[in-house]
Amino acid sequence: QEQLVESGGGLVQPGGSLKLSCTDPARFINGYAMGWYRQAPGKQRELVANINGDRSLNYADSVKGRFTISRDNDEGMVYLQMNNLKPEDTAVYYCNAMPAIPNLWGQGTQVTVSS
């Protein structure tokens, strides 16, 4: 069963930065628009950024200007650079196709923003 693998999360102080990575060894995702999603405790999973087949980018208002999504199809990778992190960015972050494919959800990577 194909699953994506997220990494790069951790504990960071407000104002700090992290870069998340999403790997897809099977290169399954190369033909898809891809997104980064997050789920905070007690909240629904939300899409925070996506990169489309034409390389156009979209961001949720809450992360616009702070997060940058990118991809490397040759390596089967999708990235999320997160700058100026805020406590409200605390969540488990996942990558998936956009719209999401149920069988692709991985374990996610925890991002905690706290002083």
PDB file of N, CA and C in Angstrom:
ATOM      1  N   GLN A   1       0.855  -1.189   0.000  1.00  0.00           N
ATOM      2  CA  GLN A   1       0.000   0.000   0.000  1.00  0.00           C
ATOM      3  C   GLN A   1       0.888   1.234   0.000  1.00  0.00           C
ATOM      4  N   GLU A   2       0.622   2.103  -0.962  1.00  0.00           N
ATOM      5  CA  GLU A   2       1.420   3.300  -1.081  1.00  0.00           C
ATOM      6  C   GLU A   2       1.085   4.254   0.044  1.00  0.00           C
ATOM      7  N   GLN A   3       2.095   4.757   0.735  1.00  0.00           N
ATOM      8  CA  GLN A   3       1.904   5.796   1.730  1.00  0.00           C
ATOM      9  C   GLN A   3       3.050   6.776   1.608  1.00  0.00           C
ATOM     10  N   LEU A   4       2.734   8.019   1.857  1.00  0.00           N
ATOM     11  CA  LEU A   4       3.753   9.044   1.862  1.00  0.00           C
ATOM     12  C   LEU A   4       4.375   9.121   3.246  1.00  0.00           C
ATOM     13  N   VAL A   5       5.614   9.603   3.306  1.00  0.00           N
ATOM     14  CA  VAL A   5       6.344   9.679   4.560  1.00  0.00           C
ATOM     15  C   VAL A   5       6.771  11.118   4.790  1.00  0.00           C
ATOM     16  N   GLU A   6       6.288  11.690   5.878  1.00  0.00           N
ATOM     17  CA  GLU A   6       6.615  13.065   6.225  1.00  0.00           C
ATOM     18  C   GLU A   6       7.711  13.092   7.291  1.00  0.00           C
ATOM     19  N   SER A   7       8.548  14.122   7.246  1.00  0.00           N
ATOM     20  CA  SER A   7       9.596  14.295   8.244  1.00  0.00           C
ATOM     21  C   SER A   7       9.951  15.762   8.363  1.00  0.00           C
ATOM     22  N   GLY A   8      10.733  16.083   9.394  1.00  0.00           N
ATOM     23  CA  GLY A   8      11.229  17.440   9.556  1.00  0.00           C
ATOM     24  C   GLY A   8      10.560  18.238  10.651  1.00  0.00           C
ATOM     25  N   GLY A   9       9.550  17.673  11.291  1.00  0.00           N
ATOM     26  CA  GLY A   9       8.881  18.393  12.365  1.00  0.00           C
ATOM     27  C   GLY A   9       9.736  18.461  13.614  1.00  0.00           C
ATOM     28  N   GLY A  10       9.231  19.166  14.609  1.00  0.00           N
ATOM     29  CA  GLY A  10       9.954  19.294  15.860  1.00  0.00           C
ATOM     30  C   GLY A  10       9.386  20.394  16.708  1.00  0.00           C
ATOM     31  N   LEU A  11      10.132  20.707  17.774  1.00  0.00           N
ATOM     32  CA  LEU A  11       9.757  21.784  18.687  1.00  0.00           C
ATOM     33  C   LEU A  11      10.563  23.028  18.311  1.00  0.00           C
ATOM     34  N   VAL A  12       9.880  24.143  18.143  1.00  0.00           N
ATOM     35  CA  VAL A  12      10.547  25.378  17.754  1.00  0.00           C
ATOM     36  C   VAL A  12       9.902  26.536  18.490  1.00  0.00           C
ATOM     37  N   GLN A  13      10.681  27.562  18.760  1.00  0.00           N
ATOM     38  CA  GLN A  13      10.151  28.744  19.427  1.00  0.00           C
ATOM     39  C   GLN A  13       9.393  29.629  18.435  1.00  0.00           C
ATOM     40  N   PRO A  14       8.462  30.416  18.931  1.00  0.00           N
ATOM     41  CA  PRO A  14       7.781  31.363  18.037  1.00  0.00           C
ATOM     42  C   PRO A  14       8.782  32.218  17.281  1.00  0.00           C
ATOM     43  N   GLY A  15       8.511  32.403  15.989  1.00  0.00           N
ATOM     44  CA  GLY A  15       9.436  33.133  15.131  1.00  0.00           C
ATOM     45  C   GLY A  15      10.457  32.256  14.445  1.00  0.00           C
ATOM     46  N   GLY A  16      10.536  31.000  14.844  1.00  0.00           N
ATOM     47  CA  GLY A  16      11.505  30.082  14.258  1.00  0.00           C
ATOM     48  C   GLY A  16      11.057  29.508  12.932  1.00  0.00           C
ATOM     49  N   SER A  17      11.899  28.622  12.393  1.00  0.00           N
ATOM     50  CA  SER A  17      11.647  28.029  11.077  1.00  0.00           C
ATOM     51  C   SER A  17      11.833  26.518  11.119  1.00  0.00           C
ATOM     52  N   LEU A  18      11.123  25.842  10.257  1.00  0.00           N
ATOM     53  CA  LEU A  18      11.291  24.417  10.018  1.00  0.00           C
ATOM     54  C   LEU A  18      11.056  24.161   8.536  1.00  0.00           C
ATOM     55  N   LYS A  19      11.684  23.091   8.045  1.00  0.00           N
ATOM     56  CA  LYS A  19      11.411  22.650   6.674  1.00  0.00           C
ATOM     57  C   LYS A  19      10.949  21.211   6.720  1.00  0.00           C
ATOM     58  N   LEU A  20       9.731  20.985   6.266  1.00  0.00           N
ATOM     59  CA  LEU A  20       9.156  19.652   6.224  1.00  0.00           C
ATOM     60  C   LEU A  20       9.439  19.005   4.872  1.00  0.00           C
ATOM     61  N   SER A  21       9.608  17.692   4.898  1.00  0.00           N
ATOM     62  CA  SER A  21       9.831  16.938   3.672  1.00  0.00           C
ATOM     63  C   SER A  21       8.809  15.820   3.567  1.00  0.00           C
ATOM     64  N   CYS A  22       8.448  15.509   2.346  1.00  0.00           N
ATOM     65  CA  CYS A  22       7.511  14.418   2.068  1.00  0.00           C
ATOM     66  C   CYS A  22       8.146  13.561   0.982  1.00  0.00           C
ATOM     67  N   THR A  23       8.325  12.288   1.282  1.00  0.00           N
ATOM     68  CA  THR A  23       8.958  11.400   0.322  1.00  0.00           C
ATOM     69  C   THR A  23       7.948  10.439  -0.285  1.00  0.00           C
ATOM     70  N   ASP A  24       8.196  10.113  -1.521  1.00  0.00           N
ATOM     71  CA  ASP A  24       7.358   9.163  -2.234  1.00  0.00           C
ATOM     72  C   ASP A  24       8.275   8.307  -3.099  1.00  0.00           C
ATOM     73  N   PRO A  25       8.856   7.266  -2.520  1.00  0.00           N
ATOM     74  CA  PRO A  25       9.836   6.458  -3.259  1.00  0.00           C
ATOM     75  C   PRO A  25       9.302   5.883  -4.563  1.00  0.00           C
ATOM     76  N   ALA A  26       8.018   5.655  -4.642  1.00  0.00           N
ATOM     77  CA  ALA A  26       7.447   5.061  -5.849  1.00  0.00           C
ATOM     78  C   ALA A  26       7.162   6.080  -6.926  1.00  0.00           C
ATOM     79  N   ARG A  27       7.416   7.376  -6.628  1.00  0.00           N
ATOM     80  CA  ARG A  27       7.168   8.451  -7.598  1.00  0.00           C
ATOM     81  C   ARG A  27       5.697   8.478  -8.014  1.00  0.00           C
ATOM     82  N   PHE A  28       4.846   7.968  -7.129  1.00  0.00           N
ATOM     83  CA  PHE A  28       3.422   7.925  -7.460  1.00  0.00           C
ATOM     84  C   PHE A  28       2.844   9.308  -7.631  1.00  0.00           C
ATOM     85  N   ILE A  29       3.386  10.269  -6.869  1.00  0.00           N
ATOM     86  CA  ILE A  29       2.765  11.583  -6.800  1.00  0.00           C
ATOM     87  C   ILE A  29       3.114  12.483  -7.970  1.00  0.00           C
ATOM     88  N   ASN A  30       4.011  12.065  -8.835  1.00  0.00           N
ATOM     89  CA  ASN A  30       4.519  12.986  -9.847  1.00  0.00           C
ATOM     90  C   ASN A  30       3.429  13.539 -10.752  1.00  0.00           C
ATOM     91  N   GLY A  31       2.365  12.800 -10.954  1.00  0.00           N
ATOM     92  CA  GLY A  31       1.325  13.266 -11.851  1.00  0.00           C
ATOM     93  C   GLY A  31       0.222  14.053 -11.173  1.00  0.00           C
ATOM     94  N   TYR A  32       0.403  14.340  -9.869  1.00  0.00           N
ATOM     95  CA  TYR A  32      -0.676  14.929  -9.104  1.00  0.00           C
ATOM     96  C   TYR A  32      -0.314  16.307  -8.581  1.00  0.00           C
ATOM     97  N   ALA A  33      -1.335  17.153  -8.447  1.00  0.00           N
ATOM     98  CA  ALA A  33      -1.192  18.317  -7.592  1.00  0.00           C
ATOM     99  C   ALA A  33      -1.008  17.808  -6.172  1.00  0.00           C
ATOM    100  N   MET A  34      -0.125  18.461  -5.426  1.00  0.00           N
ATOM    101  CA  MET A  34       0.192  17.999  -4.073  1.00  0.00           C
ATOM    102  C   MET A  34      -0.083  19.090  -3.056  1.00  0.00           C
ATOM    103  N   GLY A  35      -0.415  18.653  -1.862  1.00  0.00           N
ATOM    104  CA  GLY A  35      -0.712  19.614  -0.819  1.00  0.00           C
ATOM    105  C   GLY A  35      -0.098  19.219   0.507  1.00  0.00           C
ATOM    106  N   TRP A  36       0.086  20.210   1.359  1.00  0.00           N
ATOM    107  CA  TRP A  36       0.411  19.997   2.759  1.00  0.00           C
ATOM    108  C   TRP A  36      -0.841  20.334   3.572  1.00  0.00           C
ATOM    109  N   TYR A  37      -1.155  19.432   4.479  1.00  0.00           N
ATOM    110  CA  TYR A  37      -2.318  19.569   5.337  1.00  0.00           C
ATOM    111  C   TYR A  37      -1.835  19.562   6.787  1.00  0.00           C
ATOM    112  N   ARG A  38      -2.686  20.050   7.673  1.00  0.00           N
ATOM    113  CA  ARG A  38      -2.350  19.954   9.089  1.00  0.00           C
ATOM    114  C   ARG A  38      -3.618  19.722   9.908  1.00  0.00           C
ATOM    115  N   GLN A  39      -3.406  19.087  11.052  1.00  0.00           N
ATOM    116  CA  GLN A  39      -4.516  18.855  11.969  1.00  0.00           C
ATOM    117  C   GLN A  39      -4.063  19.176  13.377  1.00  0.00           C
ATOM    118  N   ALA A  40      -4.696  20.167  13.952  1.00  0.00           N
ATOM    119  CA  ALA A  40      -4.420  20.545  15.333  1.00  0.00           C
ATOM    120  C   ALA A  40      -5.355  19.771  16.258  1.00  0.00           C
ATOM    121  N   PRO A  41      -4.991  19.605  17.513  1.00  0.00           N
ATOM    122  CA  PRO A  41      -5.847  18.868  18.452  1.00  0.00           C
ATOM    123  C   PRO A  41      -7.258  19.448  18.500  1.00  0.00           C
ATOM    124  N   GLY A  42      -8.241  18.583  18.350  1.00  0.00           N
ATOM    125  CA  GLY A  42      -9.618  19.013  18.429  1.00  0.00           C
ATOM    126  C   GLY A  42     -10.146  19.720  17.202  1.00  0.00           C
ATOM    127  N   LYS A  43      -9.341  19.782  16.141  1.00  0.00           N
ATOM    128  CA  LYS A  43      -9.766  20.470  14.932  1.00  0.00           C
ATOM    129  C   LYS A  43      -9.739  19.544  13.733  1.00  0.00           C
ATOM    130  N   GLN A  44     -10.451  19.932  12.694  1.00  0.00           N
ATOM    131  CA  GLN A  44     -10.425  19.160  11.461  1.00  0.00           C
ATOM    132  C   GLN A  44      -9.129  19.402  10.701  1.00  0.00           C
ATOM    133  N   ARG A  45      -8.765  18.390   9.907  1.00  0.00           N
ATOM    134  CA  ARG A  45      -7.597  18.545   9.050  1.00  0.00           C
ATOM    135  C   ARG A  45      -7.875  19.623   8.017  1.00  0.00           C
ATOM    136  N   GLU A  46      -6.879  20.483   7.764  1.00  0.00           N
ATOM    137  CA  GLU A  46      -7.060  21.569   6.812  1.00  0.00           C
ATOM    138  C   GLU A  46      -5.896  21.610   5.827  1.00  0.00           C
ATOM    139  N   LEU A  47      -6.194  22.063   4.627  1.00  0.00           N
ATOM    140  CA  LEU A  47      -5.179  22.257   3.608  1.00  0.00           C
ATOM    141  C   LEU A  47      -4.501  23.593   3.858  1.00  0.00           C
ATOM    142  N   VAL A  48      -3.164  23.600   3.931  1.00  0.00           N
ATOM    143  CA  VAL A  48      -2.465  24.862   4.160  1.00  0.00           C
ATOM    144  C   VAL A  48      -1.724  25.362   2.926  1.00  0.00           C
ATOM    145  N   ALA A  49      -1.345  24.459   2.023  1.00  0.00           N
ATOM    146  CA  ALA A  49      -0.630  24.879   0.824  1.00  0.00           C
ATOM    147  C   ALA A  49      -0.737  23.795  -0.227  1.00  0.00           C
ATOM    148  N   ASN A  50      -0.809  24.173  -1.489  1.00  0.00           N
ATOM    149  CA  ASN A  50      -0.772  23.191  -2.560  1.00  0.00           C
ATOM    150  C   ASN A  50      -0.003  23.722  -3.762  1.00  0.00           C
ATOM    151  N   ILE A  51       0.587  22.776  -4.491  1.00  0.00           N
ATOM    152  CA  ILE A  51       1.334  23.085  -5.708  1.00  0.00           C
ATOM    153  C   ILE A  51       0.718  22.264  -6.828  1.00  0.00           C
ATOM    154  N   ASN A  52       0.328  22.929  -7.890  1.00  0.00           N
ATOM    155  CA  ASN A  52      -0.423  22.291  -8.952  1.00  0.00           C
ATOM    156  C   ASN A  52       0.494  21.806 -10.069  1.00  0.00           C
ATOM    157  N   GLY A  53      -0.100  21.115 -11.041  1.00  0.00           N
ATOM    158  CA  GLY A  53       0.683  20.569 -12.139  1.00  0.00           C
ATOM    159  C   GLY A  53       1.400  21.632 -12.948  1.00  0.00           C
ATOM    160  N   ASP A  54       0.826  22.815 -13.008  1.00  0.00           N
ATOM    161  CA  ASP A  54       1.467  23.908 -13.743  1.00  0.00           C
ATOM    162  C   ASP A  54       2.386  24.725 -12.843  1.00  0.00           C
ATOM    163  N   ARG A  55       2.668  24.181 -11.652  1.00  0.00           N
ATOM    164  CA  ARG A  55       3.553  24.804 -10.660  1.00  0.00           C
ATOM    165  C   ARG A  55       2.940  26.026  -9.987  1.00  0.00           C
ATOM    166  N   SER A  56       1.666  26.304 -10.248  1.00  0.00           N
ATOM    167  CA  SER A  56       1.021  27.388  -9.521  1.00  0.00           C
ATOM    168  C   SER A  56       0.856  26.986  -8.062  1.00  0.00           C
ATOM    169  N   LEU A  57       0.849  27.988  -7.192  1.00  0.00           N
ATOM    170  CA  LEU A  57       0.845  27.746  -5.749  1.00  0.00           C
ATOM    171  C   LEU A  57      -0.367  28.404  -5.110  1.00  0.00           C
ATOM    172  N   ASN A  58      -0.870  27.774  -4.058  1.00  0.00           N
ATOM    173  CA  ASN A  58      -1.960  28.359  -3.292  1.00  0.00           C
ATOM    174  C   ASN A  58      -1.679  28.149  -1.809  1.00  0.00           C
ATOM    175  N   TYR A  59      -2.070  29.115  -1.015  1.00  0.00           N
ATOM    176  CA  TYR A  59      -1.833  29.062   0.428  1.00  0.00           C
ATOM    177  C   TYR A  59      -3.079  29.488   1.186  1.00  0.00           C
ATOM    178  N   ALA A  60      -3.268  28.855   2.337  1.00  0.00           N
ATOM    179  CA  ALA A  60      -4.304  29.338   3.245  1.00  0.00           C
ATOM    180  C   ALA A  60      -3.906  30.730   3.738  1.00  0.00           C
ATOM    181  N   ASP A  61      -4.904  31.549   4.004  1.00  0.00           N
ATOM    182  CA  ASP A  61      -4.631  32.910   4.453  1.00  0.00           C
ATOM    183  C   ASP A  61      -3.770  32.930   5.715  1.00  0.00           C
ATOM    184  N   SER A  62      -3.955  31.933   6.554  1.00  0.00           N
ATOM    185  CA  SER A  62      -3.255  31.909   7.842  1.00  0.00           C
ATOM    186  C   SER A  62      -1.750  31.690   7.700  1.00  0.00           C
ATOM    187  N   VAL A  63      -1.288  31.187   6.549  1.00  0.00           N
ATOM    188  CA  VAL A  63       0.139  30.907   6.376  1.00  0.00           C
ATOM    189  C   VAL A  63       0.757  31.696   5.243  1.00  0.00           C
ATOM    190  N   LYS A  64      -0.060  32.440   4.516  1.00  0.00           N
ATOM    191  CA  LYS A  64       0.425  33.191   3.360  1.00  0.00           C
ATOM    192  C   LYS A  64       1.530  34.158   3.780  1.00  0.00           C
ATOM    193  N   GLY A  65       2.613  34.144   3.010  1.00  0.00           N
ATOM    194  CA  GLY A  65       3.751  35.005   3.306  1.00  0.00           C
ATOM    195  C   GLY A  65       4.745  34.399   4.279  1.00  0.00           C
ATOM    196  N   ARG A  66       4.378  33.272   4.906  1.00  0.00           N
ATOM    197  CA  ARG A  66       5.278  32.623   5.869  1.00  0.00           C
ATOM    198  C   ARG A  66       5.699  31.229   5.417  1.00  0.00           C
ATOM    199  N   PHE A  67       4.835  30.518   4.711  1.00  0.00           N
ATOM    200  CA  PHE A  67       5.107  29.152   4.270  1.00  0.00           C
ATOM    201  C   PHE A  67       5.347  29.146   2.761  1.00  0.00           C
ATOM    202  N   THR A  68       6.217  28.223   2.319  1.00  0.00           N
ATOM    203  CA  THR A  68       6.474  28.046   0.892  1.00  0.00           C
ATOM    204  C   THR A  68       6.482  26.560   0.569  1.00  0.00           C
ATOM    205  N   ILE A  69       5.649  26.167  -0.388  1.00  0.00           N
ATOM    206  CA  ILE A  69       5.604  24.775  -0.829  1.00  0.00           C
ATOM    207  C   ILE A  69       6.424  24.640  -2.108  1.00  0.00           C
ATOM    208  N   SER A  70       7.117  23.515  -2.238  1.00  0.00           N
ATOM    209  CA  SER A  70       7.887  23.239  -3.446  1.00  0.00           C
ATOM    210  C   SER A  70       7.935  21.733  -3.654  1.00  0.00           C
ATOM    211  N   ARG A  71       8.375  21.322  -4.840  1.00  0.00           N
ATOM    212  CA  ARG A  71       8.469  19.896  -5.142  1.00  0.00           C
ATOM    213  C   ARG A  71       9.657  19.625  -6.042  1.00  0.00           C
ATOM    214  N   ASP A  72      10.155  18.399  -5.961  1.00  0.00           N
ATOM    215  CA  ASP A  72      11.222  17.907  -6.825  1.00  0.00           C
ATOM    216  C   ASP A  72      10.739  16.578  -7.381  1.00  0.00           C
ATOM    217  N   ASN A  73      10.216  16.593  -8.598  1.00  0.00           N
ATOM    218  CA  ASN A  73       9.657  15.369  -9.166  1.00  0.00           C
ATOM    219  C   ASN A  73      10.739  14.322  -9.424  1.00  0.00           C
ATOM    220  N   ASP A  74      11.947  14.755  -9.751  1.00  0.00           N
ATOM    221  CA  ASP A  74      13.033  13.799 -10.004  1.00  0.00           C
ATOM    222  C   ASP A  74      13.312  12.957  -8.760  1.00  0.00           C
ATOM    223  N   GLU A  75      13.205  13.572  -7.608  1.00  0.00           N
ATOM    224  CA  GLU A  75      13.471  12.882  -6.347  1.00  0.00           C
ATOM    225  C   GLU A  75      12.203  12.376  -5.682  1.00  0.00           C
ATOM    226  N   GLY A  76      11.042  12.696  -6.242  1.00  0.00           N
ATOM    227  CA  GLY A  76       9.793  12.280  -5.600  1.00  0.00           C
ATOM    228  C   GLY A  76       9.592  12.939  -4.254  1.00  0.00           C
ATOM    229  N   MET A  77       9.892  14.242  -4.162  1.00  0.00           N
ATOM    230  CA  MET A  77       9.836  14.955  -2.887  1.00  0.00           C
ATOM    231  C   MET A  77       8.925  16.169  -2.984  1.00  0.00           C
ATOM    232  N   VAL A  78       8.274  16.458  -1.868  1.00  0.00           N
ATOM    233  CA  VAL A  78       7.515  17.699  -1.711  1.00  0.00           C
ATOM    234  C   VAL A  78       7.970  18.333  -0.400  1.00  0.00           C
ATOM    235  N   TYR A  79       8.144  19.641  -0.392  1.00  0.00           N
ATOM    236  CA  TYR A  79       8.685  20.338   0.774  1.00  0.00           C
ATOM    237  C   TYR A  79       7.722  21.420   1.245  1.00  0.00           C
ATOM    238  N   LEU A  80       7.855  21.777   2.519  1.00  0.00           N
ATOM    239  CA  LEU A  80       7.142  22.923   3.062  1.00  0.00           C
ATOM    240  C   LEU A  80       8.112  23.690   3.951  1.00  0.00           C
ATOM    241  N   GLN A  81       8.552  24.841   3.464  1.00  0.00           N
ATOM    242  CA  GLN A  81       9.388  25.723   4.270  1.00  0.00           C
ATOM    243  C   GLN A  81       8.476  26.609   5.102  1.00  0.00           C
ATOM    244  N   MET A  82       8.678  26.576   6.412  1.00  0.00           N
ATOM    245  CA  MET A  82       7.819  27.329   7.328  1.00  0.00           C
ATOM    246  C   MET A  82       8.673  28.321   8.104  1.00  0.00           C
ATOM    247  N   ASN A  83       8.385  29.586   7.920  1.00  0.00           N
ATOM    248  CA  ASN A  83       9.123  30.651   8.607  1.00  0.00           C
ATOM    249  C   ASN A  83       8.183  31.423   9.518  1.00  0.00           C
ATOM    250  N   ASN A  84       8.779  32.142  10.460  1.00  0.00           N
ATOM    251  CA  ASN A  84       8.008  32.971  11.393  1.00  0.00           C
ATOM    252  C   ASN A  84       6.861  32.167  12.007  1.00  0.00           C
ATOM    253  N   LEU A  85       7.199  31.018  12.520  1.00  0.00           N
ATOM    254  CA  LEU A  85       6.179  30.123  13.064  1.00  0.00           C
ATOM    255  C   LEU A  85       5.505  30.727  14.286  1.00  0.00           C
ATOM    256  N   LYS A  86       4.221  30.402  14.422  1.00  0.00           N
ATOM    257  CA  LYS A  86       3.401  30.916  15.511  1.00  0.00           C
ATOM    258  C   LYS A  86       2.837  29.744  16.311  1.00  0.00           C
ATOM    259  N   PRO A  87       2.474  29.968  17.564  1.00  0.00           N
ATOM    260  CA  PRO A  87       1.904  28.875  18.361  1.00  0.00           C
ATOM    261  C   PRO A  87       0.694  28.226  17.686  1.00  0.00           C
ATOM    262  N   GLU A  88      -0.087  28.994  16.939  1.00  0.00           N
ATOM    263  CA  GLU A  88      -1.256  28.439  16.273  1.00  0.00           C
ATOM    264  C   GLU A  88      -0.908  27.554  15.085  1.00  0.00           C
ATOM    265  N   ASP A  89       0.366  27.486  14.716  1.00  0.00           N
ATOM    266  CA  ASP A  89       0.808  26.548  13.682  1.00  0.00           C
ATOM    267  C   ASP A  89       1.042  25.145  14.244  1.00  0.00           C
ATOM    268  N   THR A  90       0.949  25.000  15.546  1.00  0.00           N
ATOM    269  CA  THR A  90       1.145  23.696  16.176  1.00  0.00           C
ATOM    270  C   THR A  90       0.107  22.711  15.671  1.00  0.00           C
ATOM    271  N   ALA A  91       0.583  21.588  15.127  1.00  0.00           N
ATOM    272  CA  ALA A  91      -0.304  20.590  14.527  1.00  0.00           C
ATOM    273  C   ALA A  91       0.537  19.422  14.032  1.00  0.00           C
ATOM    274  N   VAL A  92      -0.142  18.369  13.637  1.00  0.00           N
ATOM    275  CA  VAL A  92       0.501  17.301  12.870  1.00  0.00           C
ATOM    276  C   VAL A  92       0.336  17.661  11.398  1.00  0.00           C
ATOM    277  N   TYR A  93       1.442  17.640  10.663  1.00  0.00           N
ATOM    278  CA  TYR A  93       1.447  18.031   9.261  1.00  0.00           C
ATOM    279  C   TYR A  93       1.566  16.790   8.379  1.00  0.00           C
ATOM    280  N   TYR A  94       0.760  16.767   7.329  1.00  0.00           N
ATOM    281  CA  TYR A  94       0.707  15.648   6.393  1.00  0.00           C
ATOM    282  C   TYR A  94       0.839  16.180   4.966  1.00  0.00           C
ATOM    283  N   CYS A  95       1.373  15.346   4.089  1.00  0.00           N
ATOM    284  CA  CYS A  95       1.273  15.642   2.666  1.00  0.00           C
ATOM    285  C   CYS A  95       0.349  14.620   2.013  1.00  0.00           C
ATOM    286  N   ASN A  96      -0.213  15.002   0.906  1.00  0.00           N
ATOM    287  CA  ASN A  96      -1.102  14.135   0.148  1.00  0.00           C
ATOM    288  C   ASN A  96      -1.360  14.808  -1.181  1.00  0.00           C
ATOM    289  N   ALA A  97      -1.983  14.093  -2.074  1.00  0.00           N
ATOM    290  CA  ALA A  97      -2.424  14.705  -3.314  1.00  0.00           C
ATOM    291  C   ALA A  97      -3.496  15.750  -2.971  1.00  0.00           C
ATOM    292  N   MET A  98      -3.800  16.584  -3.965  1.00  0.00           N
ATOM    293  CA  MET A  98      -4.835  17.584  -3.772  1.00  0.00           C
ATOM    294  C   MET A  98      -5.775  17.514  -4.966  1.00  0.00           C
ATOM    295  N   PRO A  99      -7.027  17.042  -4.788  1.00  0.00           N
ATOM    296  CA  PRO A  99      -7.622  16.604  -3.529  1.00  0.00           C
ATOM    297  C   PRO A  99      -6.974  15.334  -2.989  1.00  0.00           C
ATOM    298  N   ALA A 100      -7.107  15.133  -1.700  1.00  0.00           N
ATOM    299  CA  ALA A 100      -6.436  14.031  -1.024  1.00  0.00           C
ATOM    300  C   ALA A 100      -6.941  12.676  -1.485  1.00  0.00           C
ATOM    301  N   ILE A 101      -6.010  11.726  -1.529  1.00  0.00           N
ATOM    302  CA  ILE A 101      -6.325  10.333  -1.845  1.00  0.00           C
ATOM    303  C   ILE A 101      -6.280   9.571  -0.521  1.00  0.00           C
ATOM    304  N   PRO A 102      -7.387   8.973  -0.106  1.00  0.00           N
ATOM    305  CA  PRO A 102      -7.450   8.394   1.244  1.00  0.00           C
ATOM    306  C   PRO A 102      -6.322   7.420   1.567  1.00  0.00           C
ATOM    307  N   ASN A 103      -5.942   6.572   0.611  1.00  0.00           N
ATOM    308  CA  ASN A 103      -4.940   5.550   0.905  1.00  0.00           C
ATOM    309  C   ASN A 103      -3.525   6.103   1.032  1.00  0.00           C
ATOM    310  N   LEU A 104      -3.316   7.374   0.711  1.00  0.00           N
ATOM    311  CA  LEU A 104      -1.972   7.947   0.744  1.00  0.00           C
ATOM    312  C   LEU A 104      -1.587   8.572   2.081  1.00  0.00           C
ATOM    313  N   TRP A 105      -2.559   8.744   2.996  1.00  0.00           N
ATOM    314  CA  TRP A 105      -2.216   9.395   4.255  1.00  0.00           C
ATOM    315  C   TRP A 105      -1.112   8.627   4.979  1.00  0.00           C
ATOM    316  N   GLY A 106      -0.074   9.344   5.375  1.00  0.00           N
ATOM    317  CA  GLY A 106       0.999   8.775   6.179  1.00  0.00           C
ATOM    318  C   GLY A 106       0.775   9.080   7.645  1.00  0.00           C
ATOM    319  N   GLN A 107       1.849   8.953   8.428  1.00  0.00           N
ATOM    320  CA  GLN A 107       1.756   9.188   9.870  1.00  0.00           C
ATOM    321  C   GLN A 107       1.838  10.662  10.223  1.00  0.00           C
ATOM    322  N   GLY A 108       2.308  11.476   9.312  1.00  0.00           N
ATOM    323  CA  GLY A 108       2.453  12.896   9.595  1.00  0.00           C
ATOM    324  C   GLY A 108       3.701  13.185  10.410  1.00  0.00           C
ATOM    325  N   THR A 109       3.985  14.465  10.575  1.00  0.00           N
ATOM    326  CA  THR A 109       5.107  14.901  11.398  1.00  0.00           C
ATOM    327  C   THR A 109       4.622  16.025  12.314  1.00  0.00           C
ATOM    328  N   GLN A 110       4.964  15.910  13.593  1.00  0.00           N
ATOM    329  CA  GLN A 110       4.470  16.842  14.596  1.00  0.00           C
ATOM    330  C   GLN A 110       5.288  18.130  14.578  1.00  0.00           C
ATOM    331  N   VAL A 111       4.594  19.252  14.514  1.00  0.00           N
ATOM    332  CA  VAL A 111       5.218  20.569  14.650  1.00  0.00           C
ATOM    333  C   VAL A 111       4.639  21.226  15.895  1.00  0.00           C
ATOM    334  N   THR A 112       5.510  21.599  16.810  1.00  0.00           N
ATOM    335  CA  THR A 112       5.085  22.263  18.034  1.00  0.00           C
ATOM    336  C   THR A 112       5.818  23.596  18.141  1.00  0.00           C
ATOM    337  N   VAL A 113       5.040  24.660  18.240  1.00  0.00           N
ATOM    338  CA  VAL A 113       5.607  26.002  18.350  1.00  0.00           C
ATOM    339  C   VAL A 113       5.296  26.523  19.751  1.00  0.00           C
ATOM    340  N   SER A 114       6.342  26.644  20.548  1.00  0.00           N
ATOM    341  CA  SER A 114       6.142  27.017  21.949  1.00  0.00           C
ATOM    342  C   SER A 114       7.426  27.603  22.511  1.00  0.00           C
ATOM    343  N   SER A 115       7.261  28.546  23.421  1.00  0.00           N
ATOM    344  CA  SER A 115       8.429  29.103  24.098  1.00  0.00           C
ATOM    345  C   SER A 115       8.668  28.381  25.414  1.00  0.00           C
TER     346      SER A 115
END
